[in-house]
Protein backbone atom coordinates (compact mmCIF):
# COMPACT_ATOMS: atom_id res chain seq x y z
CA MET A 1 0.22 -0.01 -0.15
CA ALA A 2 3.00 2.24 0.50
CA ARG A 3 3.54 2.98 -3.13
CA THR A 4 -0.25 3.00 -4.18
CA LYS A 5 -1.25 6.09 -6.27
CA VAL A 6 -5.01 5.08 -6.70
CA LEU A 7 -6.66 2.28 -4.94
CA VAL A 8 -9.81 0.90 -7.33
CA GLY A 9 -12.64 -1.37 -5.91
CA ARG A 10 -15.88 -2.07 -5.84
CA THR A 11 -17.77 -1.16 -2.69
CA GLY A 12 -17.14 -3.48 0.00
CA ALA A 13 -14.75 -4.66 2.97
CA VAL A 14 -11.36 -4.18 0.91
CA LEU A 15 -11.79 -0.76 0.66
CA VAL A 16 -11.10 -0.20 4.37
CA ASN A 17 -7.68 -0.43 3.13
CA ALA A 18 -8.01 3.45 2.24
CA MET A 19 -6.92 4.21 5.45
CA PHE A 20 -3.36 2.83 4.91
CA LEU A 21 -3.21 4.57 1.72
CA PRO A 22 0.05 7.20 1.55
CA PRO A 23 -0.64 10.74 1.68
CA GLY A 24 -1.41 12.27 -1.90
CA SER A 25 -3.08 9.13 -2.93
CA SER A 26 -6.60 8.46 -3.78
CA LEU A 27 -9.41 6.12 -3.66
CA LEU A 28 -11.88 5.26 -6.67
CA GLU A 29 -14.94 3.59 -5.34
CA LEU A 30 -17.26 1.48 -7.79
CA ILE A 31 -20.80 2.06 -6.21
CA PRO A 32 -23.23 -0.77 -7.35
CA TYR A 33 -26.54 0.05 -8.89
CA ASN A 34 -29.15 1.48 -6.11
CA TRP A 35 -26.65 1.42 -3.32
CA ALA A 36 -27.53 4.31 -1.17
CA PHE A 37 -29.81 3.16 1.44
CA MET A 38 -28.82 4.81 5.13
CA GLY A 39 -25.35 6.02 3.85
CA LEU A 40 -24.19 2.89 2.45
CA ASP A 41 -22.23 5.17 -0.31
CA ALA A 42 -20.63 7.42 1.70
CA VAL A 43 -19.22 4.93 4.02
CA TYR A 44 -15.46 4.77 2.21
CA ARG A 45 -15.76 8.73 1.44
CA ASN A 46 -16.01 9.19 5.07
CA ILE A 47 -13.05 7.14 5.70
CA THR A 48 -10.80 9.03 3.44
CA LEU A 49 -11.99 12.07 5.06
CA SER A 50 -10.69 10.99 8.40
CA VAL A 51 -7.36 10.17 7.02
CA GLY A 52 -6.72 13.43 5.74
CA ASP A 53 -4.55 13.76 2.55
CA VAL A 54 -6.18 10.92 0.72
CA GLY A 55 -8.45 11.87 -2.52
CA TYR A 56 -11.77 10.27 -3.02
CA SER A 57 -13.94 9.75 -6.14
CA SER A 58 -16.56 7.46 -7.10
CA TRP A 59 -18.18 5.70 -10.05
CA ARG A 60 -21.78 5.23 -9.50
CA ALA A 61 -23.69 2.50 -11.82
CA GLU A 62 -26.72 4.84 -12.35
CA HIS A 63 -28.67 2.22 -14.68
CA ALA A 64 -29.39 -1.27 -14.18
CA HIS A 65 -27.89 -2.12 -17.56
CA SER A 66 -24.71 -1.29 -15.46
CA CYS A 67 -25.60 -4.66 -13.65
CA ALA A 68 -24.65 -8.27 -14.31
CA TYR A 69 -27.46 -10.05 -12.07
CA ALA A 70 -26.48 -13.01 -10.66
CA SER A 71 -29.45 -14.82 -11.53
CA PRO A 72 -32.71 -13.85 -13.76
CA SER A 73 -34.68 -13.60 -10.35
CA ASP A 74 -32.37 -11.18 -9.20
CA ALA A 75 -32.89 -9.28 -12.56
CA ARG A 76 -36.62 -8.46 -11.05
CA PHE A 77 -35.15 -5.70 -9.09
CA ALA A 78 -33.61 -3.92 -12.44
CA GLY A 79 -36.42 -1.44 -12.72
CA TRP A 80 -36.58 -0.43 -9.05
CA ASP A 81 -35.62 3.62 -8.04
CA VAL A 82 -33.24 3.61 -5.26
CA SER A 83 -35.91 5.13 -3.17
CA ASP A 84 -37.57 1.64 -3.58
CA CYS A 85 -34.48 -0.23 -2.71
CA VAL A 86 -34.72 -0.45 0.99
CA THR A 87 -35.28 -4.30 1.72
CA ALA A 88 -32.45 -6.41 2.62
CA THR A 89 -33.28 -8.58 -0.41
CA CYS A 90 -32.87 -5.75 -3.05
CA LEU A 91 -29.67 -4.41 -1.14
CA GLU A 92 -28.26 -8.23 -1.24
CA VAL A 93 -29.43 -8.49 -4.91
CA HIS A 94 -27.30 -5.49 -6.00
CA ALA A 95 -24.53 -6.22 -3.39
CA ARG A 96 -23.68 -9.74 -5.53
CA ALA A 97 -24.55 -8.13 -8.72
CA GLY A 98 -21.43 -7.60 -11.07
CA ILE A 99 -20.54 -4.06 -12.34
CA VAL A 100 -20.39 -3.11 -15.87
CA VAL A 101 -18.43 -0.24 -16.72
CA ASP A 102 -17.57 1.85 -19.77
CA ILE A 103 -13.68 1.19 -20.01
CA GLN A 104 -12.88 4.39 -21.99
CA ALA A 105 -14.83 6.71 -19.29
CA MET A 106 -13.00 4.74 -16.61
CA GLU A 107 -9.65 5.21 -18.09
CA LYS A 108 -10.30 9.01 -18.11
CA ARG A 109 -11.31 9.16 -14.61
CA LEU A 110 -8.21 7.09 -13.66
CA SER A 111 -5.87 9.15 -15.88
CA SER A 112 -7.24 12.16 -14.09
CA LEU A 113 -6.45 10.94 -10.59
CA LEU A 114 -2.88 9.95 -11.57
CA LEU A 115 -2.20 13.60 -12.73
CA LEU A 116 -3.44 14.98 -9.25
């Protein structure tokens, strides 16, 4: 971690490692679709704020087409709005769904973080 410039990861426990990032580095969090209930989407931003000189950026899956659902039954939540996704089942579905990103957009985001 001592030589890490940008830590990139999907929302999850591994991002707790952001507290060990060196000064001047950044965290890029990939946030799952409909992941906002009770401040779930702010946990790792708050960790970087508490560390001090560690930047934070995020990319949020804004649409269901950014999800790779684990099963057809999970896909039933694709049409739900973030304000509807407040049940444990909906949150679990989006926690295990894969995230599909636009590679070119992600390259631009990473390039901007590397220039900081």
